[in-house]
PDB file of N, CA and C in Angstrom:
ATOM      1  N   UNK A   1       3.872  14.011 -19.854  1.00  0.00           N
ATOM      2  CA  UNK A   1       4.272  12.634 -19.607  1.00  0.00           C
ATOM      3  C   UNK A   1       3.453  12.019 -18.471  1.00  0.00           C
ATOM      4  N   UNK A   2       2.687  12.814 -17.762  1.00  0.00           N
ATOM      5  CA  UNK A   2       1.809  12.329 -16.695  1.00  0.00           C
ATOM      6  C   UNK A   2       2.562  11.538 -15.623  1.00  0.00           C
ATOM      7  N   UNK A   3       3.710  12.066 -15.206  1.00  0.00           N
ATOM      8  CA  UNK A   3       4.519  11.417 -14.178  1.00  0.00           C
ATOM      9  C   UNK A   3       4.233  12.019 -12.806  1.00  0.00           C
ATOM     10  N   UNK A   4       4.395  11.249 -11.765  1.00  0.00           N
ATOM     11  CA  UNK A   4       4.307  11.723 -10.391  1.00  0.00           C
ATOM     12  C   UNK A   4       5.722  11.805  -9.833  1.00  0.00           C
ATOM     13  N   UNK A   5       6.008  12.846  -9.054  1.00  0.00           N
ATOM     14  CA  UNK A   5       7.341  13.051  -8.490  1.00  0.00           C
ATOM     15  C   UNK A   5       7.270  12.866  -6.978  1.00  0.00           C
ATOM     16  N   UNK A   6       8.162  12.021  -6.450  1.00  0.00           N
ATOM     17  CA  UNK A   6       8.250  11.768  -5.015  1.00  0.00           C
ATOM     18  C   UNK A   6       9.662  12.131  -4.565  1.00  0.00           C
ATOM     19  N   UNK A   7       9.754  13.067  -3.635  1.00  0.00           N
ATOM     20  CA  UNK A   7      11.056  13.475  -3.094  1.00  0.00           C
ATOM     21  C   UNK A   7      11.359  12.662  -1.845  1.00  0.00           C
ATOM     22  N   UNK A   8      12.585  12.236  -1.718  1.00  0.00           N
ATOM     23  CA  UNK A   8      13.027  11.503  -0.534  1.00  0.00           C
ATOM     24  C   UNK A   8      13.956  12.381   0.296  1.00  0.00           C
ATOM     25  N   UNK A   9      13.930  12.173   1.602  1.00  0.00           N
ATOM     26  CA  UNK A   9      14.859  12.873   2.482  1.00  0.00           C
ATOM     27  C   UNK A   9      14.489  14.313   2.780  1.00  0.00           C
ATOM     28  N   UNK A  10      13.211  14.653   2.728  1.00  0.00           N
ATOM     29  CA  UNK A  10      12.774  16.027   3.018  1.00  0.00           C
ATOM     30  C   UNK A  10      12.828  16.231   4.532  1.00  0.00           C
ATOM     31  N   UNK A  11      13.679  17.167   4.965  1.00  0.00           N
ATOM     32  CA  UNK A  11      13.916  17.350   6.389  1.00  0.00           C
ATOM     33  C   UNK A  11      13.535  18.718   6.935  1.00  0.00           C
ATOM     34  N   UNK A  12      12.963  19.594   6.106  1.00  0.00           N
ATOM     35  CA  UNK A  12      12.591  20.922   6.609  1.00  0.00           C
ATOM     36  C   UNK A  12      11.437  21.508   5.805  1.00  0.00           C
ATOM     37  N   UNK A  13      10.747  22.468   6.408  1.00  0.00           N
ATOM     38  CA  UNK A  13       9.658  23.179   5.740  1.00  0.00           C
ATOM     39  C   UNK A  13      10.181  23.914   4.511  1.00  0.00           C
ATOM     40  N   UNK A  14      11.368  24.497   4.616  1.00  0.00           N
ATOM     41  CA  UNK A  14      11.930  25.244   3.483  1.00  0.00           C
ATOM     42  C   UNK A  14      12.125  24.332   2.272  1.00  0.00           C
ATOM     43  N   UNK A  15      12.624  23.139   2.507  1.00  0.00           N
ATOM     44  CA  UNK A  15      12.817  22.190   1.404  1.00  0.00           C
ATOM     45  C   UNK A  15      11.466  21.781   0.823  1.00  0.00           C
ATOM     46  N   UNK A  16      10.504  21.454   1.686  1.00  0.00           N
ATOM     47  CA  UNK A  16       9.181  21.069   1.198  1.00  0.00           C
ATOM     48  C   UNK A  16       8.534  22.200   0.413  1.00  0.00           C
ATOM     49  N   UNK A  17       8.625  23.432   0.909  1.00  0.00           N
ATOM     50  CA  UNK A  17       8.045  24.570   0.194  1.00  0.00           C
ATOM     51  C   UNK A  17       8.664  24.720  -1.189  1.00  0.00           C
ATOM     52  N   UNK A  18       9.965  24.572  -1.288  1.00  0.00           N
ATOM     53  CA  UNK A  18      10.642  24.685  -2.590  1.00  0.00           C
ATOM     54  C   UNK A  18      10.215  23.566  -3.528  1.00  0.00           C
ATOM     55  N   UNK A  19      10.134  22.352  -2.998  1.00  0.00           N
ATOM     56  CA  UNK A  19       9.721  21.214  -3.828  1.00  0.00           C
ATOM     57  C   UNK A  19       8.302  21.386  -4.352  1.00  0.00           C
ATOM     58  N   UNK A  20       7.393  21.851  -3.500  1.00  0.00           N
ATOM     59  CA  UNK A  20       6.013  22.052  -3.968  1.00  0.00           C
ATOM     60  C   UNK A  20       5.956  23.162  -5.015  1.00  0.00           C
ATOM     61  N   UNK A  21       6.783  24.194  -4.843  1.00  0.00           N
ATOM     62  CA  UNK A  21       6.831  25.261  -5.851  1.00  0.00           C
ATOM     63  C   UNK A  21       7.328  24.734  -7.197  1.00  0.00           C
ATOM     64  N   UNK A  22       8.162  23.705  -7.155  1.00  0.00           N
ATOM     65  CA  UNK A  22       8.675  23.096  -8.378  1.00  0.00           C
ATOM     66  C   UNK A  22       7.752  22.016  -8.932  1.00  0.00           C
ATOM     67  N   UNK A  23       6.647  21.736  -8.227  1.00  0.00           N
ATOM     68  CA  UNK A  23       5.673  20.773  -8.733  1.00  0.00           C
ATOM     69  C   UNK A  23       5.792  19.364  -8.188  1.00  0.00           C
ATOM     70  N   UNK A  24       6.549  19.185  -7.119  1.00  0.00           N
ATOM     71  CA  UNK A  24       6.683  17.865  -6.510  1.00  0.00           C
ATOM     72  C   UNK A  24       5.330  17.420  -5.942  1.00  0.00           C
ATOM     73  N   UNK A  25       4.967  16.165  -6.172  1.00  0.00           N
ATOM     74  CA  UNK A  25       3.664  15.652  -5.756  1.00  0.00           C
ATOM     75  C   UNK A  25       3.637  15.115  -4.330  1.00  0.00           C
ATOM     76  N   UNK A  26       4.678  14.434  -3.922  1.00  0.00           N
ATOM     77  CA  UNK A  26       4.709  13.727  -2.636  1.00  0.00           C
ATOM     78  C   UNK A  26       6.132  13.719  -2.110  1.00  0.00           C
ATOM     79  N   UNK A  27       6.254  13.546  -0.785  1.00  0.00           N
ATOM     80  CA  UNK A  27       7.588  13.484  -0.189  1.00  0.00           C
ATOM     81  C   UNK A  27       7.595  12.540   0.992  1.00  0.00           C
ATOM     82  N   UNK A  28       8.789  12.154   1.364  1.00  0.00           N
ATOM     83  CA  UNK A  28       8.996  11.407   2.596  1.00  0.00           C
ATOM     84  C   UNK A  28      10.251  11.964   3.226  1.00  0.00           C
ATOM     85  N   UNK A  29      10.332  11.841   4.518  1.00  0.00           N
ATOM     86  CA  UNK A  29      11.499  12.321   5.232  1.00  0.00           C
ATOM     87  C   UNK A  29      11.116  12.760   6.630  1.00  0.00           C
ATOM     88  N   UNK A  30      12.108  13.131   7.423  1.00  0.00           N
ATOM     89  CA  UNK A  30      11.878  13.492   8.821  1.00  0.00           C
ATOM     90  C   UNK A  30      10.928  14.665   8.982  1.00  0.00           C
ATOM     91  N   UNK A  31      10.834  15.554   7.993  1.00  0.00           N
ATOM     92  CA  UNK A  31       9.885  16.658   8.099  1.00  0.00           C
ATOM     93  C   UNK A  31       8.447  16.140   8.107  1.00  0.00           C
ATOM     94  N   UNK A  32       8.197  15.085   7.365  1.00  0.00           N
ATOM     95  CA  UNK A  32       6.856  14.503   7.290  1.00  0.00           C
ATOM     96  C   UNK A  32       6.608  13.627   8.517  1.00  0.00           C
ATOM     97  N   UNK A  33       7.542  12.731   8.822  1.00  0.00           N
ATOM     98  CA  UNK A  33       7.409  11.836   9.980  1.00  0.00           C
ATOM     99  C   UNK A  33       8.726  11.130  10.233  1.00  0.00           C
ATOM    100  N   UNK A  34       9.031  10.940  11.485  1.00  0.00           N
ATOM    101  CA  UNK A  34      10.140  10.057  11.840  1.00  0.00           C
ATOM    102  C   UNK A  34       9.750   8.635  11.448  1.00  0.00           C
ATOM    103  N   UNK A  35      10.705   7.733  11.286  1.00  0.00           N
ATOM    104  CA  UNK A  35      10.350   6.348  10.970  1.00  0.00           C
ATOM    105  C   UNK A  35       9.434   5.765  12.050  1.00  0.00           C
ATOM    106  N   UNK A  36       8.427   5.040  11.612  1.00  0.00           N
ATOM    107  CA  UNK A  36       7.497   4.388  12.541  1.00  0.00           C
ATOM    108  C   UNK A  36       7.311   2.939  12.094  1.00  0.00           C
ATOM    109  N   UNK A  37       6.947   2.060  13.017  1.00  0.00           N
ATOM    110  CA  UNK A  37       6.677   0.671  12.650  1.00  0.00           C
ATOM    111  C   UNK A  37       5.496   0.601  11.667  1.00  0.00           C
ATOM    112  N   UNK A  38       5.542  -0.341  10.757  1.00  0.00           N
ATOM    113  CA  UNK A  38       4.488  -0.487   9.751  1.00  0.00           C
ATOM    114  C   UNK A  38       3.106  -0.601  10.381  1.00  0.00           C
ATOM    115  N   UNK A  39       3.013  -1.269  11.510  1.00  0.00           N
ATOM    116  CA  UNK A  39       1.734  -1.442  12.172  1.00  0.00           C
ATOM    117  C   UNK A  39       1.119  -0.148  12.681  1.00  0.00           C
ATOM    118  N   UNK A  40       1.911   0.905  12.791  1.00  0.00           N
ATOM    119  CA  UNK A  40       1.410   2.198  13.269  1.00  0.00           C
ATOM    120  C   UNK A  40       1.058   3.152  12.131  1.00  0.00           C
ATOM    121  N   UNK A  41       1.340   2.743  10.896  1.00  0.00           N
ATOM    122  CA  UNK A  41       1.148   3.660   9.770  1.00  0.00           C
ATOM    123  C   UNK A  41      -0.309   4.082   9.582  1.00  0.00           C
ATOM    124  N   UNK A  42      -1.242   3.138   9.631  1.00  0.00           N
ATOM    125  CA  UNK A  42      -2.651   3.480   9.399  1.00  0.00           C
ATOM    126  C   UNK A  42      -3.135   4.525  10.401  1.00  0.00           C
ATOM    127  N   UNK A  43      -2.752   4.378  11.656  1.00  0.00           N
ATOM    128  CA  UNK A  43      -3.143   5.366  12.671  1.00  0.00           C
ATOM    129  C   UNK A  43      -2.497   6.717  12.369  1.00  0.00           C
ATOM    130  N   UNK A  44      -1.209   6.707  12.055  1.00  0.00           N
ATOM    131  CA  UNK A  44      -0.509   7.957  11.733  1.00  0.00           C
ATOM    132  C   UNK A  44      -1.186   8.642  10.543  1.00  0.00           C
ATOM    133  N   UNK A  45      -1.472   7.878   9.507  1.00  0.00           N
ATOM    134  CA  UNK A  45      -2.071   8.458   8.308  1.00  0.00           C
ATOM    135  C   UNK A  45      -3.446   9.068   8.598  1.00  0.00           C
ATOM    136  N   UNK A  46      -4.249   8.392   9.399  1.00  0.00           N
ATOM    137  CA  UNK A  46      -5.593   8.897   9.685  1.00  0.00           C
ATOM    138  C   UNK A  46      -5.561  10.154  10.556  1.00  0.00           C
ATOM    139  N   UNK A  47      -4.525  10.318  11.373  1.00  0.00           N
ATOM    140  CA  UNK A  47      -4.427  11.471  12.277  1.00  0.00           C
ATOM    141  C   UNK A  47      -3.522  12.576  11.757  1.00  0.00           C
ATOM    142  N   UNK A  48      -2.800  12.318  10.696  1.00  0.00           N
ATOM    143  CA  UNK A  48      -1.802  13.250  10.201  1.00  0.00           C
ATOM    144  C   UNK A  48      -2.414  14.384   9.378  1.00  0.00           C
ATOM    145  N   UNK A  49      -1.852  15.558   9.522  1.00  0.00           N
ATOM    146  CA  UNK A  49      -2.265  16.672   8.672  1.00  0.00           C
ATOM    147  C   UNK A  49      -1.854  16.423   7.218  1.00  0.00           C
ATOM    148  N   UNK A  50      -0.877  15.578   6.995  1.00  0.00           N
ATOM    149  CA  UNK A  50      -0.408  15.269   5.643  1.00  0.00           C
ATOM    150  C   UNK A  50      -1.451  14.486   4.864  1.00  0.00           C
ATOM    151  N   UNK A  51      -2.171  13.628   5.552  1.00  0.00           N
ATOM    152  CA  UNK A  51      -3.197  12.832   4.872  1.00  0.00           C
ATOM    153  C   UNK A  51      -4.263  13.734   4.261  1.00  0.00           C
ATOM    154  N   UNK A  52      -4.671  14.745   4.976  1.00  0.00           N
ATOM    155  CA  UNK A  52      -5.711  15.662   4.490  1.00  0.00           C
ATOM    156  C   UNK A  52      -5.205  16.528   3.338  1.00  0.00           C
ATOM    157  N   UNK A  53      -3.917  16.844   3.344  1.00  0.00           N
ATOM    158  CA  UNK A  53      -3.367  17.729   2.320  1.00  0.00           C
ATOM    159  C   UNK A  53      -3.031  16.996   1.032  1.00  0.00           C
ATOM    160  N   UNK A  54      -2.603  15.737   1.170  1.00  0.00           N
ATOM    161  CA  UNK A  54      -2.065  15.041   0.001  1.00  0.00           C
ATOM    162  C   UNK A  54      -2.764  13.723  -0.139  1.00  0.00           C
TER     163      UNK A  54
END
């Protein structure tokens, strides 16, 4: 079906590891980053280890 899966509310490495094992493509939640102002997103993305991985 060529669908992408995005998990919301990922709060720990254990949850992220399980989701990736199940084929989850992307996630958001406190494990990835605390909420930040929109104006800070580009800087966060360029410096984040998540940007390089995903």
